[in-house]
Amino acid sequence: MSEKIEVMAGPKANVKCTFDGEALELTGYTAAIVHLPVADVNVKRKKKPEKDGGQVYYFVTRLLSSRVELYLQPSEVANMEKLVEALLAAGAGTF
């Protein structure tokens, strides 16, 4: 992958999701940067959008004890769809 895909998530857009073709990096989700190799990531989109038009995405990995749940504001949903497509194309799974 030649370009990084960046998405701002969270209710206040305080979590930066970056995918470079090798790993998903979450900045602002915890005190440390979370670096998830694509082979260890499973992704799922909540079936129904939120009332405000936003969307929730879940990332699950064996490297973390709980799933990562990210809310996307309506303006960032299209960017997250692009990131998820790139993750799936690179070998991430679904659940």
Protein backbone atom coordinates (compact mmCIF):
# COMPACT_ATOMS: atom_id res chain seq x y z
CA MET A 1 0.00 0.00 0.00
CA SER A 2 1.47 3.33 -0.99
CA GLU A 3 -0.58 5.72 1.12
CA LYS A 4 -1.52 5.80 4.78
CA ILE A 5 -5.20 5.93 5.59
CA GLU A 6 -6.05 8.06 8.61
CA VAL A 7 -9.41 8.35 10.34
CA MET A 8 -10.40 10.34 13.41
CA ALA A 9 -12.74 8.37 15.68
CA GLY A 10 -14.39 8.80 19.05
CA PRO A 11 -17.21 11.04 20.19
CA LYS A 12 -14.85 14.03 20.19
CA ALA A 13 -12.63 12.77 17.34
CA ASN A 14 -9.90 12.06 19.88
CA VAL A 15 -8.72 8.68 18.53
CA LYS A 16 -6.58 8.60 15.40
CA CYS A 17 -6.72 5.34 13.41
CA THR A 18 -3.89 4.88 10.93
CA PHE A 19 -3.40 1.99 8.53
CA ASP A 20 -0.20 1.73 6.51
CA GLY A 21 -0.77 -1.65 4.85
CA GLU A 22 1.05 -3.58 7.59
CA ALA A 23 -0.64 -2.64 10.86
CA LEU A 24 -3.53 -0.70 12.37
CA GLU A 25 -2.32 1.95 14.77
CA LEU A 26 -4.62 3.61 17.31
CA THR A 27 -3.43 6.82 18.94
CA GLY A 28 -5.49 8.25 21.78
CA TYR A 29 -7.41 5.07 22.57
CA THR A 30 -5.15 4.31 25.55
CA ALA A 31 -2.23 6.16 27.10
CA ALA A 32 0.10 4.25 24.79
CA ILE A 33 -0.10 3.87 21.03
CA VAL A 34 -1.80 0.58 20.16
CA HIS A 35 -0.06 -1.14 17.23
CA LEU A 36 -2.04 -4.10 15.81
CA PRO A 37 -0.53 -6.24 13.02
CA VAL A 38 -3.12 -6.75 10.29
CA ALA A 39 -2.99 -10.56 10.59
CA ASP A 40 -4.18 -10.28 14.21
CA VAL A 41 -7.10 -7.92 13.56
CA ASN A 42 -10.76 -8.83 13.13
CA VAL A 43 -13.20 -6.07 12.28
CA LYS A 44 -16.97 -5.67 12.39
CA ARG A 45 -19.36 -2.80 11.77
CA LYS A 46 -22.42 -2.42 13.99
CA LYS A 47 -25.48 -3.39 11.95
CA LYS A 48 -27.53 -0.27 12.64
CA PRO A 49 -26.14 3.27 12.44
CA GLU A 50 -26.53 5.52 15.45
CA LYS A 51 -29.42 8.00 15.62
CA ASP A 52 -27.12 10.89 14.67
CA GLY A 53 -25.90 9.08 11.53
CA GLY A 54 -22.64 7.95 13.10
CA GLN A 55 -21.42 4.36 13.05
CA VAL A 56 -19.71 2.03 15.53
CA TYR A 57 -16.88 -0.29 14.48
CA TYR A 58 -15.39 -3.09 16.56
CA PHE A 59 -11.82 -4.33 16.34
CA VAL A 60 -10.90 -7.59 18.06
CA THR A 61 -7.40 -8.96 18.50
CA ARG A 62 -5.87 -11.60 20.72
CA LEU A 63 -3.28 -8.99 21.70
CA LEU A 64 -5.85 -7.07 23.80
CA SER A 65 -8.08 -8.44 26.55
CA SER A 66 -11.19 -6.65 25.26
CA ARG A 67 -12.50 -5.45 21.94
CA VAL A 68 -11.83 -1.95 20.71
CA GLU A 69 -15.12 -0.14 20.11
CA LEU A 70 -14.88 3.06 18.09
CA TYR A 71 -17.67 5.50 17.34
CA LEU A 72 -17.35 7.39 14.05
CA GLN A 73 -19.02 10.71 13.47
CA PRO A 74 -21.05 10.85 10.24
CA SER A 75 -18.33 12.87 8.50
CA GLU A 76 -15.73 10.13 9.12
CA VAL A 77 -17.79 7.03 8.20
CA ALA A 78 -16.70 7.05 4.53
CA ASN A 79 -13.04 7.28 5.55
CA MET A 80 -13.46 4.36 7.97
CA GLU A 81 -15.12 2.29 5.24
CA LYS A 82 -12.01 2.90 3.11
CA LEU A 83 -9.76 1.88 6.02
CA VAL A 84 -11.80 -1.29 6.70
CA GLU A 85 -11.70 -2.27 3.00
CA ALA A 86 -7.91 -1.84 3.02
CA LEU A 87 -7.63 -3.92 6.23
CA LEU A 88 -9.70 -6.73 4.76
CA ALA A 89 -7.73 -6.65 1.50
CA ALA A 90 -4.50 -6.91 3.50
CA GLY A 91 -5.66 -10.03 5.36
CA ALA A 92 -7.69 -8.90 8.38
CA GLY A 93 -10.63 -11.08 9.34
CA THR A 94 -14.24 -10.52 10.27
CA PHE A 95 -16.32 -11.91 13.09
